[in-house]
Amino acid sequence: MNTTSQNVQKLGYQLEREKVLESIDMLGREDLQFLNTLIVKRLRYLNQMEDALIISGLNVGTKVRFDDLKGQYLEGFVAKISAKSVSVCCGNAIWKVAPSLIERVV
């Protein structure tokens, strides 16, 4: 795609966003709460899809790393995989980690 068509596409996207913002300004409390519910559901769905994609690339025994609560990376091996978390064995400790926080070590 050339630069001109990219700029036109960006402009179109920007105009659509402006229309959405104008529409939101006209909504009342009940409609805004309904819209909020839809947005939250969509974000949860996207997070679930992202987690599923990450989990699909892991197997028990895969070497991974993640950032602990102190801001340091811990490395270990996948011990167990469930729908919402991955158990990672780091030495003598097993951490239950959200898939979105895990990086595969190559």
C-alpha atoms as a PDB file:
ATOM      1  CA  MET A   1       0.000   0.000   0.000  1.00  0.00           C
ATOM      2  CA  ASN A   2       1.459   3.349  -0.947  1.00  0.00           C
ATOM      3  CA  THR A   3       1.721   6.328   1.381  1.00  0.00           C
ATOM      4  CA  THR A   4      -1.201   8.213  -0.178  1.00  0.00           C
ATOM      5  CA  SER A   5      -3.647   5.356   0.273  1.00  0.00           C
ATOM      6  CA  GLN A   6      -2.362   4.820   3.830  1.00  0.00           C
ATOM      7  CA  ASN A   7      -3.016   8.486   4.622  1.00  0.00           C
ATOM      8  CA  VAL A   8      -6.513   8.274   3.132  1.00  0.00           C
ATOM      9  CA  GLN A   9      -7.175   5.148   5.149  1.00  0.00           C
ATOM     10  CA  LYS A  10      -5.950   6.844   8.357  1.00  0.00           C
ATOM     11  CA  LEU A  11      -8.107   9.882   7.614  1.00  0.00           C
ATOM     12  CA  GLY A  12     -11.159   7.659   7.092  1.00  0.00           C
ATOM     13  CA  TYR A  13     -10.454   5.892  10.374  1.00  0.00           C
ATOM     14  CA  GLN A  14     -10.046   9.232  12.152  1.00  0.00           C
ATOM     15  CA  LEU A  15     -13.349  10.488  10.723  1.00  0.00           C
ATOM     16  CA  GLU A  16     -15.092   7.308  11.890  1.00  0.00           C
ATOM     17  CA  ARG A  17     -13.691   7.798  15.384  1.00  0.00           C
ATOM     18  CA  GLU A  18     -14.964  11.369  15.415  1.00  0.00           C
ATOM     19  CA  LYS A  19     -18.438  10.143  14.413  1.00  0.00           C
ATOM     20  CA  VAL A  20     -18.352   7.618  17.242  1.00  0.00           C
ATOM     21  CA  LEU A  21     -17.321  10.288  19.744  1.00  0.00           C
ATOM     22  CA  GLU A  22     -20.126  12.578  18.555  1.00  0.00           C
ATOM     23  CA  SER A  23     -22.608   9.726  18.899  1.00  0.00           C
ATOM     24  CA  ILE A  24     -21.402   8.916  22.412  1.00  0.00           C
ATOM     25  CA  ASP A  25     -21.892  12.544  23.431  1.00  0.00           C
ATOM     26  CA  MET A  26     -25.591  12.210  22.561  1.00  0.00           C
ATOM     27  CA  LEU A  27     -26.193   9.045  24.628  1.00  0.00           C
ATOM     28  CA  GLY A  28     -27.917   9.036  27.978  1.00  0.00           C
ATOM     29  CA  ARG A  29     -26.879   7.159  31.103  1.00  0.00           C
ATOM     30  CA  GLU A  30     -28.795   3.948  30.291  1.00  0.00           C
ATOM     31  CA  ASP A  31     -27.388   3.732  26.756  1.00  0.00           C
ATOM     32  CA  LEU A  32     -23.860   4.489  27.999  1.00  0.00           C
ATOM     33  CA  GLN A  33     -24.126   1.702  30.587  1.00  0.00           C
ATOM     34  CA  PHE A  34     -25.327  -0.693  27.882  1.00  0.00           C
ATOM     35  CA  LEU A  35     -22.466   0.345  25.609  1.00  0.00           C
ATOM     36  CA  ASN A  36     -20.018  -0.086  28.491  1.00  0.00           C
ATOM     37  CA  THR A  37     -21.281  -3.641  29.045  1.00  0.00           C
ATOM     38  CA  LEU A  38     -20.745  -4.451  25.374  1.00  0.00           C
ATOM     39  CA  ILE A  39     -17.237  -2.992  25.391  1.00  0.00           C
ATOM     40  CA  VAL A  40     -16.243  -4.901  28.541  1.00  0.00           C
ATOM     41  CA  LYS A  41     -17.558  -8.158  27.025  1.00  0.00           C
ATOM     42  CA  ARG A  42     -15.599  -7.533  23.829  1.00  0.00           C
ATOM     43  CA  LEU A  43     -12.385  -6.764  25.733  1.00  0.00           C
ATOM     44  CA  ARG A  44     -12.772  -9.942  27.802  1.00  0.00           C
ATOM     45  CA  TYR A  45     -13.301 -11.937  24.620  1.00  0.00           C
ATOM     46  CA  LEU A  46     -10.180 -10.449  23.010  1.00  0.00           C
ATOM     47  CA  ASN A  47      -8.139 -11.218  26.152  1.00  0.00           C
ATOM     48  CA  GLN A  48      -9.396 -14.815  26.125  1.00  0.00           C
ATOM     49  CA  MET A  49      -8.433 -15.197  22.463  1.00  0.00           C
ATOM     50  CA  GLU A  50      -4.976 -13.763  23.157  1.00  0.00           C
ATOM     51  CA  ASP A  51      -4.510 -16.144  26.113  1.00  0.00           C
ATOM     52  CA  ALA A  52      -5.673 -19.111  24.011  1.00  0.00           C
ATOM     53  CA  LEU A  53      -3.156 -18.211  21.309  1.00  0.00           C
ATOM     54  CA  ILE A  54      -0.332 -18.031  23.851  1.00  0.00           C
ATOM     55  CA  ILE A  55      -1.381 -21.313  25.488  1.00  0.00           C
ATOM     56  CA  SER A  56      -1.555 -23.068  22.117  1.00  0.00           C
ATOM     57  CA  GLY A  57       2.170 -22.404  21.684  1.00  0.00           C
ATOM     58  CA  LEU A  58       3.084 -23.999  25.016  1.00  0.00           C
ATOM     59  CA  ASN A  59       3.563 -27.581  26.122  1.00  0.00           C
ATOM     60  CA  VAL A  60       4.437 -29.122  29.465  1.00  0.00           C
ATOM     61  CA  GLY A  61       8.208 -28.772  29.722  1.00  0.00           C
ATOM     62  CA  THR A  62       8.460 -25.620  27.601  1.00  0.00           C
ATOM     63  CA  LYS A  63      11.010 -23.175  28.996  1.00  0.00           C
ATOM     64  CA  VAL A  64       9.389 -19.805  29.772  1.00  0.00           C
ATOM     65  CA  ARG A  65       9.997 -16.645  31.736  1.00  0.00           C
ATOM     66  CA  PHE A  66       7.772 -14.087  33.397  1.00  0.00           C
ATOM     67  CA  ASP A  67       8.057 -10.909  35.429  1.00  0.00           C
ATOM     68  CA  ASP A  68       7.474 -11.477  39.164  1.00  0.00           C
ATOM     69  CA  LEU A  69       5.866  -8.971  41.517  1.00  0.00           C
ATOM     70  CA  LYS A  70       9.256  -7.349  42.199  1.00  0.00           C
ATOM     71  CA  GLY A  71       9.954  -6.586  38.539  1.00  0.00           C
ATOM     72  CA  GLN A  72      12.505  -9.371  38.077  1.00  0.00           C
ATOM     73  CA  TYR A  73      12.305 -12.090  35.445  1.00  0.00           C
ATOM     74  CA  LEU A  74      11.928 -15.660  36.647  1.00  0.00           C
ATOM     75  CA  GLU A  75      12.651 -18.574  34.340  1.00  0.00           C
ATOM     76  CA  GLY A  76      11.221 -22.022  34.608  1.00  0.00           C
ATOM     77  CA  PHE A  77       9.443 -24.841  32.860  1.00  0.00           C
ATOM     78  CA  VAL A  78       5.731 -25.253  32.194  1.00  0.00           C
ATOM     79  CA  ALA A  79       4.400 -27.825  34.670  1.00  0.00           C
ATOM     80  CA  LYS A  80       0.666 -27.579  33.919  1.00  0.00           C
ATOM     81  CA  ILE A  81      -1.579 -25.735  31.487  1.00  0.00           C
ATOM     82  CA  SER A  82      -5.183 -24.791  32.227  1.00  0.00           C
ATOM     83  CA  ALA A  83      -7.638 -22.509  30.447  1.00  0.00           C
ATOM     84  CA  LYS A  84      -6.873 -19.455  32.592  1.00  0.00           C
ATOM     85  CA  SER A  85      -3.361 -20.001  33.919  1.00  0.00           C
ATOM     86  CA  VAL A  86      -0.064 -21.779  33.423  1.00  0.00           C
ATOM     87  CA  SER A  87       1.825 -23.405  36.302  1.00  0.00           C
ATOM     88  CA  VAL A  88       5.537 -22.697  35.977  1.00  0.00           C
ATOM     89  CA  CYS A  89       8.141 -24.596  37.969  1.00  0.00           C
ATOM     90  CA  CYS A  90      11.000 -22.281  38.993  1.00  0.00           C
ATOM     91  CA  GLY A  91      13.447 -24.270  41.094  1.00  0.00           C
ATOM     92  CA  ASN A  92      11.561 -25.402  44.210  1.00  0.00           C
ATOM     93  CA  ALA A  93       8.590 -23.077  43.676  1.00  0.00           C
ATOM     94  CA  ILE A  94       5.599 -23.416  41.378  1.00  0.00           C
ATOM     95  CA  TRP A  95       4.019 -20.187  40.178  1.00  0.00           C
ATOM     96  CA  LYS A  96       0.514 -19.897  38.758  1.00  0.00           C
ATOM     97  CA  VAL A  97       0.887 -17.314  35.987  1.00  0.00           C
ATOM     98  CA  ALA A  98      -1.554 -15.649  33.595  1.00  0.00           C
ATOM     99  CA  PRO A  99      -0.742 -16.602  29.974  1.00  0.00           C
ATOM    100  CA  SER A 100      -0.440 -12.948  28.968  1.00  0.00           C
ATOM    101  CA  LEU A 101       2.557 -12.570  31.340  1.00  0.00           C
ATOM    102  CA  ILE A 102       4.533 -15.511  29.936  1.00  0.00           C
ATOM    103  CA  GLU A 103       7.294 -15.304  27.351  1.00  0.00           C
ATOM    104  CA  ARG A 104       8.731 -18.371  25.696  1.00  0.00           C
ATOM    105  CA  VAL A 105      12.517 -18.708  26.130  1.00  0.00           C
ATOM    106  CA  VAL A 106      14.352 -19.780  23.003  1.00  0.00           C
END
